[in-house]
Amino acid sequence: TAVMGTLKSLANKRTGMFLVLVGSFDLLEFIENSGQIARRANLINFNRYHVEVDADRKEFKNVVRKLMEKWPCNERPNLVAISDELQEESFGCVGQLKKTMLKLSALQLKHNGRWDNSFLLQASTPAKFREVIQCEIRQGEEKIRTAISGCGIWDSGRLIEMGKKMREAT
């Protein structure tokens, strides 16, 4: 309730300020529960990377490569070589990837900078958690899909009529 009050207060101010909320799909509830915020909000969703889409796989690999540039140990495991597996482990979500890589680097640092492949298992998300995360991702993606595109007042037939009307008016 306090967060909602703060968001409403910020939404009321006409200062030209943009408020960016970054996080889980749960943030959508703030917008859905306040007409005031909904009138002023624009949703931008950064989709996760899908392992079955070649362009997504390449881009995810680049993300892994960029994160490896900041690796804290002299001995650097070749995580780029297993980017597909990391993409699967992280559900294609960069936040999950970051969490996994932080665990991996912490394990390596704890072992005096020496890498051990067993760290991969230790850093992986347990099966029970994976089920919960997967379910929330599916629900969130569906929720955001309908919030961002479609489900407005115009269906495809109405859009055709409106297009015709606009052409005729010129």
Foldseek 3Di string as FASTA:
>chain_A
DVVLVVLLVVLPDPPPDDDDDDDALVVVVSLVVDVSNVVVDADDDDDFQDLVDPVSLVVQLVLVVVVQVVQPAPDGDPVSVVSSVLCVQQVRDVVSSVQLVVQQSVVCVVVVNDHDPVSNVVSGDDPVVVVVVVVRVVVSVVVVVCVNDDPDPDDPVNVVVVVVVVVVVD
